Amino acid sequence: MPGGGAVSTGPESLERDLRAAEYVLGSLPAEERAAFALERAVDPATARAVAEWEGRLAPLALTAPSGAPPEQVWARIARALPSRTGTAADDRRVIRLGAQVRRWRLATAGAGLLAAGLALFVAVGGRPERTAPGTRYLAVVQSGGALPAMVVRVDTASGTAQVRPVGAEAPAGRSLELWYVGTGAAPRTLGLVGAAATQVALPAGTASDGVLAVSVEPPGGSPSGAPTGAVIYTGKLIPE
């Protein structure tokens, strides 16, 4: 089991980082999760990796819209319960099940966003590098649907943004264009939104109080350097 010495960037460290991400998302199988929880308790490097992923993914949960499970879910739960005898123990069991259903509603609403965040870090950025605090931000760009249109990771220190499309769809014969809108400033383009993850350069003066927006444009993008069509997605920058 790894110790708490110097930070490693080898395969073992990368594997630990990816397992920490799955641990935070709750996607590890039960036996692996129990083993990883033990490793986290005794290994400072593993505990550090879990804390870092919790910090990165927690803001995405705050953007998740509320949601409810299908109506048939409670009916299935009720059918699975033992026959009621009217005892206090049965009543407590139903109360506990009701609390579990409420937690399930919250978890299902945020699952898509959390998975999208993991896809962004693994598929686009690989293993996150350490940078100065206050230079990295996330934006979940959406219009209120079940899935975000895209997840954007902004690094003001390097002047780049990593764009991971998730549910963005362009109308037939049109293009989607991503814009950065600073406070009191005109929108500045970050480029067209395609189907694949990309890295783009940030415009000079990008600040954390800006907003990202996506507009519908003619094929190939805006001909004027400013949005010409409807803005269909927006998202605010959230500190990592």
Protein backbone atom coordinates (compact mmCIF):
# COMPACT_ATOMS: atom_id res chain seq x y z
CA MET A 1 0.00 0.00 0.00
CA PRO A 2 1.47 3.42 -0.88
CA GLY A 3 2.81 5.60 1.86
CA GLY A 4 2.51 9.31 2.47
CA GLY A 5 5.85 10.40 1.05
CA ALA A 6 6.60 12.54 -1.99
CA VAL A 7 3.89 12.99 -4.62
CA SER A 8 4.22 10.41 -7.42
CA THR A 9 3.15 10.85 -11.01
CA GLY A 10 3.66 7.22 -12.09
CA PRO A 11 1.09 4.57 -13.08
CA GLU A 12 0.39 3.71 -9.42
CA SER A 13 -0.46 7.34 -8.64
CA LEU A 14 -2.69 7.64 -11.72
CA GLU A 15 -4.53 4.43 -10.82
CA ARG A 16 -5.10 5.71 -7.27
CA ASP A 17 -6.40 9.02 -8.63
CA LEU A 18 -8.90 7.32 -10.96
CA ARG A 19 -10.09 5.00 -8.19
CA ALA A 20 -10.55 8.07 -5.95
CA ALA A 21 -12.73 9.64 -8.63
CA GLU A 22 -14.87 6.49 -8.85
CA TYR A 23 -15.05 6.35 -5.04
CA VAL A 24 -16.40 9.91 -4.86
CA LEU A 25 -18.91 9.20 -7.66
CA GLY A 26 -20.04 6.00 -5.93
CA SER A 27 -19.35 3.83 -8.98
CA LEU A 28 -16.92 1.38 -7.36
CA PRO A 29 -18.31 -2.14 -6.68
CA ALA A 30 -19.12 -2.74 -3.01
CA GLU A 31 -16.04 -4.88 -2.25
CA GLU A 32 -13.65 -2.46 -3.99
CA ARG A 33 -15.28 0.50 -2.25
CA ALA A 34 -14.81 -1.12 1.18
CA ALA A 35 -11.16 -1.87 0.41
CA PHE A 36 -10.57 1.65 -0.89
CA ALA A 37 -12.22 3.15 2.20
CA LEU A 38 -9.73 1.24 4.34
CA GLU A 39 -6.85 2.41 2.16
CA ARG A 40 -8.12 5.98 2.47
CA ALA A 41 -8.14 5.69 6.27
CA VAL A 42 -4.47 4.63 6.52
CA ASP A 43 -2.84 6.26 3.48
CA PRO A 44 -2.51 10.08 3.41
CA ALA A 45 -1.96 10.14 -0.38
CA THR A 46 -5.23 8.27 -0.96
CA ALA A 47 -7.11 10.51 1.47
CA ARG A 48 -5.68 13.54 -0.34
CA ALA A 49 -6.84 12.20 -3.72
CA VAL A 50 -10.38 11.66 -2.41
CA ALA A 51 -10.51 15.16 -0.91
CA GLU A 52 -9.34 16.70 -4.19
CA TRP A 53 -12.02 14.89 -6.21
CA GLU A 54 -14.69 15.86 -3.70
CA GLY A 55 -13.64 19.48 -4.15
CA ARG A 56 -13.77 19.23 -7.95
CA LEU A 57 -17.09 17.40 -8.28
CA ALA A 58 -19.11 18.89 -5.41
CA PRO A 59 -19.91 22.15 -7.32
CA LEU A 60 -21.54 20.12 -10.10
CA ALA A 61 -24.05 18.65 -7.66
CA LEU A 62 -25.15 22.18 -6.71
CA THR A 63 -26.22 22.81 -10.32
CA ALA A 64 -28.35 19.67 -10.61
CA PRO A 65 -32.07 20.35 -11.13
CA SER A 66 -34.52 18.61 -8.82
CA GLY A 67 -36.01 15.40 -10.12
CA ALA A 68 -38.45 12.69 -9.12
CA PRO A 69 -38.35 8.94 -9.81
CA PRO A 70 -41.06 7.36 -12.00
CA GLU A 71 -44.35 6.78 -10.17
CA GLN A 72 -43.99 3.00 -10.46
CA VAL A 73 -40.84 3.02 -8.29
CA TRP A 74 -42.73 3.50 -5.02
CA ALA A 75 -45.31 0.87 -6.06
CA ARG A 76 -42.50 -1.65 -6.60
CA ILE A 77 -40.98 -0.80 -3.21
CA ALA A 78 -44.36 -1.23 -1.53
CA ARG A 79 -44.87 -4.63 -3.17
CA ALA A 80 -41.41 -5.74 -2.01
CA LEU A 81 -42.16 -4.90 1.63
CA PRO A 82 -43.20 -7.65 4.05
CA SER A 83 -46.90 -7.64 4.91
CA ARG A 84 -47.78 -4.87 7.36
CA THR A 85 -48.53 -5.94 10.95
CA GLY A 86 -49.09 -2.48 12.34
CA THR A 87 -46.06 -2.65 14.64
CA ALA A 88 -43.82 0.28 15.47
CA ALA A 89 -40.91 -1.59 13.84
CA ASP A 90 -42.81 -1.71 10.54
CA ASP A 91 -43.56 2.01 10.78
CA ARG A 92 -39.87 2.78 11.31
CA ARG A 93 -39.00 0.61 8.29
CA VAL A 94 -41.36 2.60 6.08
CA ILE A 95 -39.96 5.89 7.38
CA ARG A 96 -36.43 4.71 6.58
CA LEU A 97 -37.53 3.66 3.09
CA GLY A 98 -39.11 7.06 2.54
CA ALA A 99 -35.83 8.74 3.45
CA GLN A 100 -33.99 6.45 1.03
CA VAL A 101 -36.38 7.40 -1.76
CA ARG A 102 -35.74 11.11 -1.11
CA ARG A 103 -32.00 10.51 -1.27
CA TRP A 104 -32.51 8.53 -4.49
CA ARG A 105 -34.33 11.47 -6.06
CA LEU A 106 -31.40 13.78 -5.31
CA ALA A 107 -28.81 11.25 -6.45
CA THR A 108 -30.50 10.53 -9.79
CA ALA A 109 -30.83 14.24 -10.55
CA GLY A 110 -27.10 14.80 -10.10
CA ALA A 111 -25.72 11.56 -11.53
CA GLY A 112 -25.55 12.80 -15.10
CA LEU A 113 -23.71 15.97 -14.12
CA LEU A 114 -21.21 14.13 -11.94
CA ALA A 115 -20.52 11.59 -14.67
CA ALA A 116 -20.05 14.42 -17.14
CA GLY A 117 -17.55 16.04 -14.79
CA LEU A 118 -15.58 12.80 -14.54
CA ALA A 119 -15.61 12.44 -18.32
CA LEU A 120 -14.19 15.95 -18.65
CA PHE A 121 -11.24 15.30 -16.33
CA VAL A 122 -10.39 11.82 -17.61
CA ALA A 123 -11.11 12.19 -21.34
CA VAL A 124 -9.91 15.77 -21.81
CA GLY A 125 -7.50 16.72 -19.09
CA GLY A 126 -6.11 13.41 -17.90
CA ARG A 127 -4.72 13.55 -14.40
CA PRO A 128 -5.17 17.11 -13.02
CA GLU A 129 -1.92 18.93 -12.42
CA ARG A 130 -1.31 21.06 -9.36
CA THR A 131 -1.63 24.79 -9.99
CA ALA A 132 -1.84 27.93 -7.90
CA PRO A 133 -5.14 28.26 -6.00
CA GLY A 134 -7.77 30.55 -7.47
CA THR A 135 -6.92 29.89 -11.12
CA ARG A 136 -9.19 26.97 -12.02
CA TYR A 137 -12.95 27.10 -12.54
CA LEU A 138 -15.75 24.89 -13.80
CA ALA A 139 -18.85 25.91 -15.72
CA VAL A 140 -21.79 23.59 -16.27
CA VAL A 141 -23.39 25.11 -19.36
CA GLN A 142 -27.03 24.17 -19.65
CA SER A 143 -30.61 25.30 -20.22
CA GLY A 144 -32.26 23.40 -17.37
CA GLY A 145 -32.41 19.95 -18.97
CA ALA A 146 -31.59 16.62 -17.35
CA LEU A 147 -28.04 16.74 -18.75
CA PRO A 148 -25.81 19.78 -19.24
CA ALA A 149 -25.04 20.93 -22.76
CA MET A 150 -21.36 20.88 -21.90
CA VAL A 151 -18.87 21.09 -19.06
CA VAL A 152 -16.09 23.67 -19.38
CA ARG A 153 -12.95 23.66 -17.26
CA VAL A 154 -11.18 27.03 -17.23
CA ASP A 155 -7.56 27.56 -16.19
CA THR A 156 -6.75 31.26 -16.04
CA ALA A 157 -3.11 30.54 -15.19
CA SER A 158 -2.48 28.78 -18.50
CA GLY A 159 -5.05 30.82 -20.43
CA THR A 160 -6.89 27.73 -21.69
CA ALA A 161 -10.31 26.12 -21.38
CA GLN A 162 -11.21 22.47 -21.89
CA VAL A 163 -14.66 22.03 -23.43
CA ARG A 164 -16.48 18.71 -23.07
CA PRO A 165 -19.82 18.58 -25.00
CA VAL A 166 -22.42 16.40 -23.28
CA GLY A 167 -25.97 17.14 -24.45
CA ALA A 168 -25.38 20.09 -26.81
CA GLU A 169 -27.33 19.79 -30.06
CA ALA A 170 -27.18 22.23 -32.97
CA PRO A 171 -30.32 22.81 -35.06
CA ALA A 172 -30.14 21.36 -38.57
CA GLY A 173 -27.94 23.44 -40.86
CA ARG A 174 -26.65 25.65 -38.03
CA SER A 175 -23.57 25.82 -35.79
CA LEU A 176 -23.20 26.33 -32.05
CA GLU A 177 -20.67 28.93 -30.89
CA LEU A 178 -19.29 29.30 -27.35
CA TRP A 179 -18.78 32.80 -25.91
CA TYR A 180 -17.16 34.30 -22.84
CA VAL A 181 -19.09 37.29 -21.50
CA GLY A 182 -17.24 39.40 -18.93
CA THR A 183 -19.02 41.84 -16.61
CA GLY A 184 -19.96 44.92 -18.61
CA ALA A 185 -18.05 43.67 -21.65
CA ALA A 186 -19.00 42.47 -25.11
CA PRO A 187 -19.10 38.69 -25.74
CA ARG A 188 -15.86 37.15 -27.06
CA THR A 189 -15.85 33.91 -28.95
CA LEU A 190 -14.20 30.74 -27.71
CA GLY A 191 -14.92 28.89 -30.95
CA LEU A 192 -17.46 26.48 -32.36
CA VAL A 193 -18.90 23.63 -30.32
CA GLY A 194 -18.34 20.26 -31.95
CA ALA A 195 -19.04 16.71 -30.90
CA ALA A 196 -15.55 16.04 -29.50
CA ALA A 197 -13.76 17.44 -26.46
CA THR A 198 -11.44 20.33 -27.31
CA GLN A 199 -9.02 22.76 -25.71
CA VAL A 200 -9.38 26.44 -26.60
CA ALA A 201 -7.49 29.63 -25.78
CA LEU A 202 -9.10 32.07 -23.35
CA PRO A 203 -9.47 35.72 -24.38
CA ALA A 204 -7.31 38.22 -22.53
CA GLY A 205 -8.87 39.46 -19.31
CA THR A 206 -10.89 36.33 -18.55
CA ALA A 207 -12.12 36.62 -14.95
CA SER A 208 -14.04 34.39 -12.57
CA ASP A 209 -17.14 36.63 -12.59
CA GLY A 210 -17.76 35.99 -16.29
CA VAL A 211 -20.45 33.87 -17.89
CA LEU A 212 -20.23 31.29 -20.68
CA ALA A 213 -22.97 31.27 -23.30
CA VAL A 214 -23.76 29.27 -26.44
CA SER A 215 -25.57 30.82 -29.40
CA VAL A 216 -27.03 29.39 -32.60
CA GLU A 217 -25.09 30.72 -35.59
CA PRO A 218 -24.84 30.20 -39.36
CA PRO A 219 -22.65 27.30 -40.50
CA GLY A 220 -19.05 28.08 -39.59
CA GLY A 221 -19.91 30.57 -36.85
CA SER A 222 -20.91 34.19 -36.43
CA PRO A 223 -19.96 36.36 -39.43
CA SER A 224 -19.77 39.51 -37.30
CA GLY A 225 -17.66 38.47 -34.32
CA ALA A 226 -20.68 38.82 -32.02
CA PRO A 227 -23.65 36.52 -31.32
CA THR A 228 -26.25 36.81 -34.08
CA GLY A 229 -28.68 34.04 -33.10
CA ALA A 230 -30.55 32.86 -30.02
CA VAL A 231 -28.55 32.10 -26.87
CA ILE A 232 -29.68 28.62 -25.87
CA TYR A 233 -27.20 27.61 -23.11
CA THR A 234 -25.50 29.54 -20.32
CA GLY A 235 -23.31 28.75 -17.32
CA LYS A 236 -21.43 30.59 -14.57
CA LEU A 237 -17.85 29.85 -13.54
CA ILE A 238 -17.53 27.99 -10.22
CA PRO A 239 -14.18 27.80 -8.36
CA GLU A 240 -12.73 24.27 -8.29
